Amino acid sequence: METSGRLILLFVLVTAIFGSSDAQSVCNVPYSGLFACLPAARPPNPPPPTAACCNTVRRANLGCLCSYMKSKALSNYGVDPNLAIQIPTKCGIPNAGHC
C-alpha cells in the first residue's frame, strides 16, 4: 500500500484517538489537517481532496503515518483505505513511496 494512502488513514486514526485540537499534531501535521482529508477518503462518491488536505499531505511525515494504516479504528470514521491511498496522487504529490 502506498505511503500516501497510509498517511490519510493515519490522519483519521489520530483524529479519532486524540480529538480535533489544533494545538496538537501527529506526524508533523495538526489534527485540523487530518480532518480536511476525511471527505476525500469516504465512499461512495468522495470529492477531490481540498487544498487544505493536499497541504497537509505534503507536510506530513509519511513514514510515521504508515504505522497507522492497519488500524481498525479507521472504519469507525467511514474511511475507505482504497480511497485514502489515492489522495496523494490526486494532490499531485510525486514519489509518495510505499509503506
PDB file of N, CA and C in Angstrom:
ATOM      1  N   MET A   1       0.852  -1.178   0.000  1.00  0.00           N
ATOM      2  CA  MET A   1       0.000   0.000   0.000  1.00  0.00           C
ATOM      3  C   MET A   1       0.893   1.235   0.000  1.00  0.00           C
ATOM      4  N   GLU A   2       0.506   2.251  -0.709  1.00  0.00           N
ATOM      5  CA  GLU A   2       1.316   3.454  -0.819  1.00  0.00           C
ATOM      6  C   GLU A   2       1.416   4.199   0.508  1.00  0.00           C
ATOM      7  N   THR A   3       2.540   4.847   0.686  1.00  0.00           N
ATOM      8  CA  THR A   3       2.763   5.645   1.887  1.00  0.00           C
ATOM      9  C   THR A   3       1.702   6.711   2.015  1.00  0.00           C
ATOM     10  N   SER A   4       1.386   7.350   0.929  1.00  0.00           N
ATOM     11  CA  SER A   4       0.416   8.437   0.968  1.00  0.00           C
ATOM     12  C   SER A   4      -0.959   7.942   1.383  1.00  0.00           C
ATOM     13  N   GLY A   5      -1.337   6.770   0.942  1.00  0.00           N
ATOM     14  CA  GLY A   5      -2.626   6.221   1.335  1.00  0.00           C
ATOM     15  C   GLY A   5      -2.655   5.918   2.812  1.00  0.00           C
ATOM     16  N   ARG A   6      -1.576   5.429   3.277  1.00  0.00           N
ATOM     17  CA  ARG A   6      -1.476   5.143   4.705  1.00  0.00           C
ATOM     18  C   ARG A   6      -1.468   6.426   5.496  1.00  0.00           C
ATOM     19  N   LEU A   7      -0.946   7.444   4.903  1.00  0.00           N
ATOM     20  CA  LEU A   7      -0.938   8.755   5.543  1.00  0.00           C
ATOM     21  C   LEU A   7      -2.359   9.218   5.836  1.00  0.00           C
ATOM     22  N   ILE A   8      -3.220   9.098   4.885  1.00  0.00           N
ATOM     23  CA  ILE A   8      -4.586   9.543   5.051  1.00  0.00           C
ATOM     24  C   ILE A   8      -5.285   8.719   6.125  1.00  0.00           C
ATOM     25  N   LEU A   9      -5.069   7.445   6.100  1.00  0.00           N
ATOM     26  CA  LEU A   9      -5.675   6.596   7.115  1.00  0.00           C
ATOM     27  C   LEU A   9      -5.163   6.953   8.499  1.00  0.00           C
ATOM     28  N   LEU A  10      -3.914   7.279   8.589  1.00  0.00           N
ATOM     29  CA  LEU A  10      -3.359   7.696   9.865  1.00  0.00           C
ATOM     30  C   LEU A  10      -4.037   8.970  10.338  1.00  0.00           C
ATOM     31  N   PHE A  11      -4.279   9.903   9.427  1.00  0.00           N
ATOM     32  CA  PHE A  11      -4.951  11.152   9.773  1.00  0.00           C
ATOM     33  C   PHE A  11      -6.248  10.856  10.507  1.00  0.00           C
ATOM     34  N   VAL A  12      -6.995   9.958   9.939  1.00  0.00           N
ATOM     35  CA  VAL A  12      -8.296   9.625  10.506  1.00  0.00           C
ATOM     36  C   VAL A  12      -8.137   8.958  11.860  1.00  0.00           C
ATOM     37  N   LEU A  13      -7.207   8.059  11.966  1.00  0.00           N
ATOM     38  CA  LEU A  13      -6.985   7.348  13.223  1.00  0.00           C
ATOM     39  C   LEU A  13      -6.575   8.303  14.322  1.00  0.00           C
ATOM     40  N   VAL A  14      -5.634   9.139  14.050  1.00  0.00           N
ATOM     41  CA  VAL A  14      -5.150  10.062  15.060  1.00  0.00           C
ATOM     42  C   VAL A  14      -6.260  11.003  15.503  1.00  0.00           C
ATOM     43  N   THR A  15      -7.039  11.448  14.557  1.00  0.00           N
ATOM     44  CA  THR A  15      -8.165  12.314  14.874  1.00  0.00           C
ATOM     45  C   THR A  15      -9.147  11.587  15.791  1.00  0.00           C
ATOM     46  N   ALA A  16      -9.388  10.338  15.485  1.00  0.00           N
ATOM     47  CA  ALA A  16     -10.317   9.552  16.288  1.00  0.00           C
ATOM     48  C   ALA A  16      -9.820   9.375  17.719  1.00  0.00           C
ATOM     49  N   ILE A  17      -8.539   9.185  17.868  1.00  0.00           N
ATOM     50  CA  ILE A  17      -7.977   8.919  19.187  1.00  0.00           C
ATOM     51  C   ILE A  17      -7.790  10.182  20.015  1.00  0.00           C
ATOM     52  N   PHE A  18      -7.320  11.234  19.411  1.00  0.00           N
ATOM     53  CA  PHE A  18      -6.925  12.414  20.160  1.00  0.00           C
ATOM     54  C   PHE A  18      -7.845  13.616  20.051  1.00  0.00           C
ATOM     55  N   GLY A  19      -8.847  13.574  19.235  1.00  0.00           N
ATOM     56  CA  GLY A  19      -9.740  14.715  19.112  1.00  0.00           C
ATOM     57  C   GLY A  19      -9.291  15.673  18.037  1.00  0.00           C
ATOM     58  N   SER A  20      -9.847  16.888  18.054  1.00  0.00           N
ATOM     59  CA  SER A  20      -9.610  17.807  16.947  1.00  0.00           C
ATOM     60  C   SER A  20      -8.836  19.056  17.338  1.00  0.00           C
ATOM     61  N   SER A  21      -8.124  19.047  18.393  1.00  0.00           N
ATOM     62  CA  SER A  21      -7.393  20.232  18.832  1.00  0.00           C
ATOM     63  C   SER A  21      -6.277  20.593  17.871  1.00  0.00           C
ATOM     64  N   ASP A  22      -6.253  21.873  17.429  1.00  0.00           N
ATOM     65  CA  ASP A  22      -5.184  22.337  16.558  1.00  0.00           C
ATOM     66  C   ASP A  22      -3.868  22.470  17.308  1.00  0.00           C
ATOM     67  N   ALA A  23      -3.916  22.508  18.615  1.00  0.00           N
ATOM     68  CA  ALA A  23      -2.706  22.664  19.408  1.00  0.00           C
ATOM     69  C   ALA A  23      -1.862  21.389  19.379  1.00  0.00           C
ATOM     70  N   GLN A  24      -2.448  20.288  18.982  1.00  0.00           N
ATOM     71  CA  GLN A  24      -1.730  19.030  18.946  1.00  0.00           C
ATOM     72  C   GLN A  24      -1.507  18.613  17.496  1.00  0.00           C
ATOM     73  N   SER A  25      -0.479  17.828  17.298  1.00  0.00           N
ATOM     74  CA  SER A  25      -0.204  17.345  15.957  1.00  0.00           C
ATOM     75  C   SER A  25       0.319  15.922  16.021  1.00  0.00           C
ATOM     76  N   VAL A  26       0.346  15.304  14.864  1.00  0.00           N
ATOM     77  CA  VAL A  26       0.886  13.962  14.740  1.00  0.00           C
ATOM     78  C   VAL A  26       1.587  13.884  13.387  1.00  0.00           C
ATOM     79  N   CYS A  27       2.716  13.269  13.368  1.00  0.00           N
ATOM     80  CA  CYS A  27       3.480  13.070  12.131  1.00  0.00           C
ATOM     81  C   CYS A  27       3.673  14.373  11.363  1.00  0.00           C
ATOM     82  N   ASN A  28       3.937  15.441  12.102  1.00  0.00           N
ATOM     83  CA  ASN A  28       4.238  16.771  11.572  1.00  0.00           C
ATOM     84  C   ASN A  28       3.035  17.549  11.043  1.00  0.00           C
ATOM     85  N   VAL A  29       1.833  17.126  11.359  1.00  0.00           N
ATOM     86  CA  VAL A  29       0.657  17.870  10.898  1.00  0.00           C
ATOM     87  C   VAL A  29      -0.342  18.061  12.027  1.00  0.00           C
ATOM     88  N   PRO A  30      -1.065  19.193  12.030  1.00  0.00           N
ATOM     89  CA  PRO A  30      -2.088  19.404  13.050  1.00  0.00           C
ATOM     90  C   PRO A  30      -3.311  18.534  12.765  1.00  0.00           C
ATOM     91  N   TYR A  31      -4.060  18.272  13.807  1.00  0.00           N
ATOM     92  CA  TYR A  31      -5.259  17.457  13.661  1.00  0.00           C
ATOM     93  C   TYR A  31      -6.243  18.056  12.664  1.00  0.00           C
ATOM     94  N   SER A  32      -6.331  19.383  12.602  1.00  0.00           N
ATOM     95  CA  SER A  32      -7.255  20.002  11.652  1.00  0.00           C
ATOM     96  C   SER A  32      -6.904  19.623  10.223  1.00  0.00           C
ATOM     97  N   GLY A  33      -5.641  19.409   9.958  1.00  0.00           N
ATOM     98  CA  GLY A  33      -5.235  18.961   8.634  1.00  0.00           C
ATOM     99  C   GLY A  33      -5.746  17.569   8.325  1.00  0.00           C
ATOM    100  N   LEU A  34      -5.774  16.747   9.341  1.00  0.00           N
ATOM    101  CA  LEU A  34      -6.293  15.394   9.161  1.00  0.00           C
ATOM    102  C   LEU A  34      -7.772  15.431   8.816  1.00  0.00           C
ATOM    103  N   PHE A  35      -8.512  16.269   9.505  1.00  0.00           N
ATOM    104  CA  PHE A  35      -9.940  16.397   9.225  1.00  0.00           C
ATOM    105  C   PHE A  35     -10.201  16.876   7.808  1.00  0.00           C
ATOM    106  N   ALA A  36      -9.319  17.700   7.278  1.00  0.00           N
ATOM    107  CA  ALA A  36      -9.502  18.227   5.927  1.00  0.00           C
ATOM    108  C   ALA A  36      -9.491  17.116   4.874  1.00  0.00           C
ATOM    109  N   CYS A  37      -8.881  15.990   5.189  1.00  0.00           N
ATOM    110  CA  CYS A  37      -8.780  14.888   4.234  1.00  0.00           C
ATOM    111  C   CYS A  37      -9.910  13.864   4.354  1.00  0.00           C
ATOM    112  N   LEU A  38     -10.695  13.925   5.383  1.00  0.00           N
ATOM    113  CA  LEU A  38     -11.738  12.920   5.578  1.00  0.00           C
ATOM    114  C   LEU A  38     -12.714  12.800   4.417  1.00  0.00           C
ATOM    115  N   PRO A  39     -13.278  13.883   3.896  1.00  0.00           N
ATOM    116  CA  PRO A  39     -14.260  13.720   2.812  1.00  0.00           C
ATOM    117  C   PRO A  39     -13.696  12.974   1.599  1.00  0.00           C
ATOM    118  N   ALA A  40     -12.437  13.186   1.294  1.00  0.00           N
ATOM    119  CA  ALA A  40     -11.826  12.541   0.130  1.00  0.00           C
ATOM    120  C   ALA A  40     -11.563  11.056   0.342  1.00  0.00           C
ATOM    121  N   ALA A  41     -11.721  10.574   1.566  1.00  0.00           N
ATOM    122  CA  ALA A  41     -11.467   9.164   1.873  1.00  0.00           C
ATOM    123  C   ALA A  41     -12.729   8.398   2.232  1.00  0.00           C
ATOM    124  N   ARG A  42     -13.891   9.019   2.043  1.00  0.00           N
ATOM    125  CA  ARG A  42     -15.159   8.359   2.393  1.00  0.00           C
ATOM    126  C   ARG A  42     -15.981   8.051   1.148  1.00  0.00           C
ATOM    127  N   PRO A  43     -16.472   6.811   1.049  1.00  0.00           N
ATOM    128  CA  PRO A  43     -17.332   6.447  -0.076  1.00  0.00           C
ATOM    129  C   PRO A  43     -18.744   7.014   0.124  1.00  0.00           C
ATOM    130  N   PRO A  44     -19.593   6.974  -0.851  1.00  0.00           N
ATOM    131  CA  PRO A  44     -19.390   6.285  -2.124  1.00  0.00           C
ATOM    132  C   PRO A  44     -18.790   7.182  -3.209  1.00  0.00           C
ATOM    133  N   ASN A  45     -19.009   8.466  -3.174  1.00  0.00           N
ATOM    134  CA  ASN A  45     -18.513   9.378  -4.211  1.00  0.00           C
ATOM    135  C   ASN A  45     -17.746  10.521  -3.576  1.00  0.00           C
ATOM    136  N   PRO A  46     -16.511  10.266  -3.162  1.00  0.00           N
ATOM    137  CA  PRO A  46     -15.765  11.307  -2.464  1.00  0.00           C
ATOM    138  C   PRO A  46     -15.398  12.467  -3.399  1.00  0.00           C
ATOM    139  N   PRO A  47     -15.386  13.672  -2.853  1.00  0.00           N
ATOM    140  CA  PRO A  47     -14.927  14.810  -3.652  1.00  0.00           C
ATOM    141  C   PRO A  47     -13.410  14.753  -3.771  1.00  0.00           C
ATOM    142  N   PRO A  48     -12.851  15.529  -4.684  1.00  0.00           N
ATOM    143  CA  PRO A  48     -11.388  15.608  -4.744  1.00  0.00           C
ATOM    144  C   PRO A  48     -10.855  16.179  -3.437  1.00  0.00           C
ATOM    145  N   PRO A  49      -9.622  15.864  -3.089  1.00  0.00           N
ATOM    146  CA  PRO A  49      -9.055  16.435  -1.867  1.00  0.00           C
ATOM    147  C   PRO A  49      -8.965  17.961  -1.999  1.00  0.00           C
ATOM    148  N   THR A  50      -9.203  18.631  -0.906  1.00  0.00           N
ATOM    149  CA  THR A  50      -9.138  20.089  -0.887  1.00  0.00           C
ATOM    150  C   THR A  50      -7.684  20.551  -0.847  1.00  0.00           C
ATOM    151  N   ALA A  51      -7.490  21.840  -1.079  1.00  0.00           N
ATOM    152  CA  ALA A  51      -6.147  22.406  -0.974  1.00  0.00           C
ATOM    153  C   ALA A  51      -5.598  22.210   0.435  1.00  0.00           C
ATOM    154  N   ALA A  52      -6.461  22.355   1.438  1.00  0.00           N
ATOM    155  CA  ALA A  52      -6.028  22.170   2.826  1.00  0.00           C
ATOM    156  C   ALA A  52      -5.557  20.732   3.061  1.00  0.00           C
ATOM    157  N   CYS A  53      -6.273  19.781   2.514  1.00  0.00           N
ATOM    158  CA  CYS A  53      -5.884  18.378   2.639  1.00  0.00           C
ATOM    159  C   CYS A  53      -4.536  18.148   1.950  1.00  0.00           C
ATOM    160  N   CYS A  54      -4.396  18.620   0.740  1.00  0.00           N
ATOM    161  CA  CYS A  54      -3.153  18.417  -0.011  1.00  0.00           C
ATOM    162  C   CYS A  54      -1.968  19.069   0.688  1.00  0.00           C
ATOM    163  N   ASN A  55      -2.176  20.231   1.262  1.00  0.00           N
ATOM    164  CA  ASN A  55      -1.094  20.885   2.005  1.00  0.00           C
ATOM    165  C   ASN A  55      -0.681  20.048   3.206  1.00  0.00           C
ATOM    166  N   THR A  56      -1.651  19.441   3.848  1.00  0.00           N
ATOM    167  CA  THR A  56      -1.377  18.572   4.986  1.00  0.00           C
ATOM    168  C   THR A  56      -0.549  17.371   4.554  1.00  0.00           C
ATOM    169  N   VAL A  57      -0.954  16.740   3.474  1.00  0.00           N
ATOM    170  CA  VAL A  57      -0.254  15.553   2.990  1.00  0.00           C
ATOM    171  C   VAL A  57       1.183  15.905   2.605  1.00  0.00           C
ATOM    172  N   ARG A  58       1.392  17.077   2.031  1.00  0.00           N
ATOM    173  CA  ARG A  58       2.739  17.493   1.632  1.00  0.00           C
ATOM    174  C   ARG A  58       3.667  17.702   2.829  1.00  0.00           C
ATOM    175  N   ARG A  59       3.131  18.123   3.960  1.00  0.00           N
ATOM    176  CA  ARG A  59       3.941  18.408   5.148  1.00  0.00           C
ATOM    177  C   ARG A  59       4.137  17.193   6.043  1.00  0.00           C
ATOM    178  N   ALA A  60       3.327  16.201   5.872  1.00  0.00           N
ATOM    179  CA  ALA A  60       3.319  15.066   6.794  1.00  0.00           C
ATOM    180  C   ALA A  60       4.550  14.188   6.658  1.00  0.00           C
ATOM    181  N   ASN A  61       4.885  13.550   7.754  1.00  0.00           N
ATOM    182  CA  ASN A  61       5.914  12.521   7.767  1.00  0.00           C
ATOM    183  C   ASN A  61       5.220  11.229   7.337  1.00  0.00           C
ATOM    184  N   LEU A  62       5.367  10.875   6.076  1.00  0.00           N
ATOM    185  CA  LEU A  62       4.634   9.741   5.531  1.00  0.00           C
ATOM    186  C   LEU A  62       5.021   8.422   6.188  1.00  0.00           C
ATOM    187  N   GLY A  63       6.278   8.263   6.522  1.00  0.00           N
ATOM    188  CA  GLY A  63       6.702   7.047   7.205  1.00  0.00           C
ATOM    189  C   GLY A  63       6.009   6.882   8.546  1.00  0.00           C
ATOM    190  N   CYS A  64       5.876   7.976   9.255  1.00  0.00           N
ATOM    191  CA  CYS A  64       5.176   7.966  10.537  1.00  0.00           C
ATOM    192  C   CYS A  64       3.720   7.555  10.349  1.00  0.00           C
ATOM    193  N   LEU A  65       3.080   8.149   9.350  1.00  0.00           N
ATOM    194  CA  LEU A  65       1.676   7.853   9.112  1.00  0.00           C
ATOM    195  C   LEU A  65       1.441   6.417   8.677  1.00  0.00           C
ATOM    196  N   CYS A  66       2.409   5.840   8.016  1.00  0.00           N
ATOM    197  CA  CYS A  66       2.282   4.441   7.587  1.00  0.00           C
ATOM    198  C   CYS A  66       2.069   3.498   8.765  1.00  0.00           C
ATOM    199  N   SER A  67       2.591   3.865   9.892  1.00  0.00           N
ATOM    200  CA  SER A  67       2.471   2.980  11.050  1.00  0.00           C
ATOM    201  C   SER A  67       1.031   2.852  11.547  1.00  0.00           C
ATOM    202  N   TYR A  68       0.129   3.675  11.055  1.00  0.00           N
ATOM    203  CA  TYR A  68      -1.264   3.645  11.487  1.00  0.00           C
ATOM    204  C   TYR A  68      -2.207   3.016  10.471  1.00  0.00           C
ATOM    205  N   MET A  69      -1.707   2.551   9.371  1.00  0.00           N
ATOM    206  CA  MET A  69      -2.554   2.089   8.276  1.00  0.00           C
ATOM    207  C   MET A  69      -3.436   0.892   8.596  1.00  0.00           C
ATOM    208  N   LYS A  70      -3.027   0.050   9.450  1.00  0.00           N
ATOM    209  CA  LYS A  70      -3.792  -1.169   9.694  1.00  0.00           C
ATOM    210  C   LYS A  70      -4.779  -1.045  10.855  1.00  0.00           C
ATOM    211  N   SER A  71      -4.970   0.143  11.336  1.00  0.00           N
ATOM    212  CA  SER A  71      -5.864   0.326  12.466  1.00  0.00           C
ATOM    213  C   SER A  71      -7.319   0.081  12.078  1.00  0.00           C
ATOM    214  N   LYS A  72      -7.998  -0.662  12.898  1.00  0.00           N
ATOM    215  CA  LYS A  72      -9.417  -0.933  12.667  1.00  0.00           C
ATOM    216  C   LYS A  72     -10.288   0.256  13.046  1.00  0.00           C
ATOM    217  N   ALA A  73      -9.724   1.219  13.767  1.00  0.00           N
ATOM    218  CA  ALA A  73     -10.480   2.403  14.167  1.00  0.00           C
ATOM    219  C   ALA A  73     -10.883   3.248  12.963  1.00  0.00           C
ATOM    220  N   LEU A  74     -10.166   3.136  11.867  1.00  0.00           N
ATOM    221  CA  LEU A  74     -10.465   3.946  10.690  1.00  0.00           C
ATOM    222  C   LEU A  74     -11.855   3.680  10.150  1.00  0.00           C
ATOM    223  N   SER A  75     -12.284   2.443  10.197  1.00  0.00           N
ATOM    224  CA  SER A  75     -13.617   2.120   9.688  1.00  0.00           C
ATOM    225  C   SER A  75     -14.710   2.782  10.510  1.00  0.00           C
ATOM    226  N   ASN A  76     -14.428   3.101  11.751  1.00  0.00           N
ATOM    227  CA  ASN A  76     -15.400   3.803  12.588  1.00  0.00           C
ATOM    228  C   ASN A  76     -15.705   5.199  12.062  1.00  0.00           C
ATOM    229  N   TYR A  77     -14.813   5.732  11.252  1.00  0.00           N
ATOM    230  CA  TYR A  77     -14.984   7.065  10.682  1.00  0.00           C
ATOM    231  C   TYR A  77     -15.362   7.022   9.210  1.00  0.00           C
ATOM    232  N   GLY A  78     -15.698   5.844   8.721  1.00  0.00           N
ATOM    233  CA  GLY A  78     -16.149   5.702   7.348  1.00  0.00           C
ATOM    234  C   GLY A  78     -15.064   5.834   6.303  1.00  0.00           C
ATOM    235  N   VAL A  79     -13.821   5.660   6.697  1.00  0.00           N
ATOM    236  CA  VAL A  79     -12.711   5.798   5.765  1.00  0.00           C
ATOM    237  C   VAL A  79     -12.519   4.502   4.981  1.00  0.00           C
ATOM    238  N   ASP A  80     -12.443   4.649   3.673  1.00  0.00           N
ATOM    239  CA  ASP A  80     -12.155   3.528   2.785  1.00  0.00           C
ATOM    240  C   ASP A  80     -10.663   3.583   2.455  1.00  0.00           C
ATOM    241  N   PRO A  81      -9.889   2.584   2.880  1.00  0.00           N
ATOM    242  CA  PRO A  81      -8.447   2.611   2.624  1.00  0.00           C
ATOM    243  C   PRO A  81      -8.097   2.757   1.147  1.00  0.00           C
ATOM    244  N   ASN A  82      -8.904   2.178   0.278  1.00  0.00           N
ATOM    245  CA  ASN A  82      -8.635   2.279  -1.150  1.00  0.00           C
ATOM    246  C   ASN A  82      -8.773   3.715  -1.649  1.00  0.00           C
ATOM    247  N   LEU A  83      -9.712   4.455  -1.083  1.00  0.00           N
ATOM    248  CA  LEU A  83      -9.860   5.870  -1.443  1.00  0.00           C
ATOM    249  C   LEU A  83      -8.739   6.691  -0.816  1.00  0.00           C
ATOM    250  N   ALA A  84      -8.403   6.351   0.403  1.00  0.00           N
ATOM    251  CA  ALA A  84      -7.380   7.110   1.120  1.00  0.00           C
ATOM    252  C   ALA A  84      -6.023   7.047   0.419  1.00  0.00           C
ATOM    253  N   ILE A  85      -5.681   5.890  -0.112  1.00  0.00           N
ATOM    254  CA  ILE A  85      -4.370   5.762  -0.749  1.00  0.00           C
ATOM    255  C   ILE A  85      -4.276   6.533  -2.060  1.00  0.00           C
ATOM    256  N   GLN A  86      -5.408   6.969  -2.585  1.00  0.00           N
ATOM    257  CA  GLN A  86      -5.415   7.741  -3.824  1.00  0.00           C
ATOM    258  C   GLN A  86      -5.184   9.235  -3.596  1.00  0.00           C
ATOM    259  N   ILE A  87      -5.334   9.694  -2.377  1.00  0.00           N
ATOM    260  CA  ILE A  87      -5.274  11.131  -2.103  1.00  0.00           C
ATOM    261  C   ILE A  87      -3.946  11.770  -2.507  1.00  0.00           C
ATOM    262  N   PRO A  88      -2.795  11.226  -2.140  1.00  0.00           N
ATOM    263  CA  PRO A  88      -1.542  11.879  -2.553  1.00  0.00           C
ATOM    264  C   PRO A  88      -1.416  12.022  -4.066  1.00  0.00           C
ATOM    265  N   THR A  89      -1.822  11.002  -4.799  1.00  0.00           N
ATOM    266  CA  THR A  89      -1.775  11.084  -6.246  1.00  0.00           C
ATOM    267  C   THR A  89      -2.711  12.168  -6.748  1.00  0.00           C
ATOM    268  N   LYS A  90      -3.894  12.235  -6.181  1.00  0.00           N
ATOM    269  CA  LYS A  90      -4.856  13.277  -6.567  1.00  0.00           C
ATOM    270  C   LYS A  90      -4.354  14.669  -6.212  1.00  0.00           C
ATOM    271  N   CYS A  91      -3.496  14.737  -5.219  1.00  0.00           N
ATOM    272  CA  CYS A  91      -2.893  16.019  -4.826  1.00  0.00           C
ATOM    273  C   CYS A  91      -1.659  16.346  -5.667  1.00  0.00           C
ATOM    274  N   GLY A  92      -1.274  15.436  -6.531  1.00  0.00           N
ATOM    275  CA  GLY A  92      -0.118  15.673  -7.384  1.00  0.00           C
ATOM    276  C   GLY A  92       1.215  15.564  -6.664  1.00  0.00           C
ATOM    277  N   ILE A  93       1.249  14.746  -5.626  1.00  0.00           N
ATOM    278  CA  ILE A  93       2.486  14.563  -4.856  1.00  0.00           C
ATOM    279  C   ILE A  93       3.315  13.473  -5.524  1.00  0.00           C
ATOM    280  N   PRO A  94       4.471  13.859  -6.066  1.00  0.00           N
ATOM    281  CA  PRO A  94       5.304  12.858  -6.748  1.00  0.00           C
ATOM    282  C   PRO A  94       6.066  11.992  -5.749  1.00  0.00           C
ATOM    283  N   ASN A  95       6.352  10.791  -6.145  1.00  0.00           N
ATOM    284  CA  ASN A  95       7.196   9.882  -5.357  1.00  0.00           C
ATOM    285  C   ASN A  95       6.747   9.739  -3.916  1.00  0.00           C
ATOM    286  N   ALA A  96       5.457   9.507  -3.730  1.00  0.00           N
ATOM    287  CA  ALA A  96       4.930   9.333  -2.370  1.00  0.00           C
ATOM    288  C   ALA A  96       5.502   8.093  -1.715  1.00  0.00           C
ATOM    289  N   GLY A  97       5.909   7.130  -2.490  1.00  0.00           N
ATOM    290  CA  GLY A  97       6.520   5.932  -1.927  1.00  0.00           C
ATOM    291  C   GLY A  97       5.497   4.912  -1.478  1.00  0.00           C
ATOM    292  N   HIS A  98       5.986   3.873  -0.878  1.00  0.00           N
ATOM    293  CA  HIS A  98       5.148   2.778  -0.394  1.00  0.00           C
ATOM    294  C   HIS A  98       5.449   2.527   1.070  1.00  0.00           C
ATOM    295  N   CYS A  99       4.439   2.104   1.764  1.00  0.00           N
ATOM    296  CA  CYS A  99       4.641   1.763   3.180  1.00  0.00           C
ATOM    297  C   CYS A  99       5.153   0.345   3.295  1.00  0.00           C
TER     298      CYS A  99
END
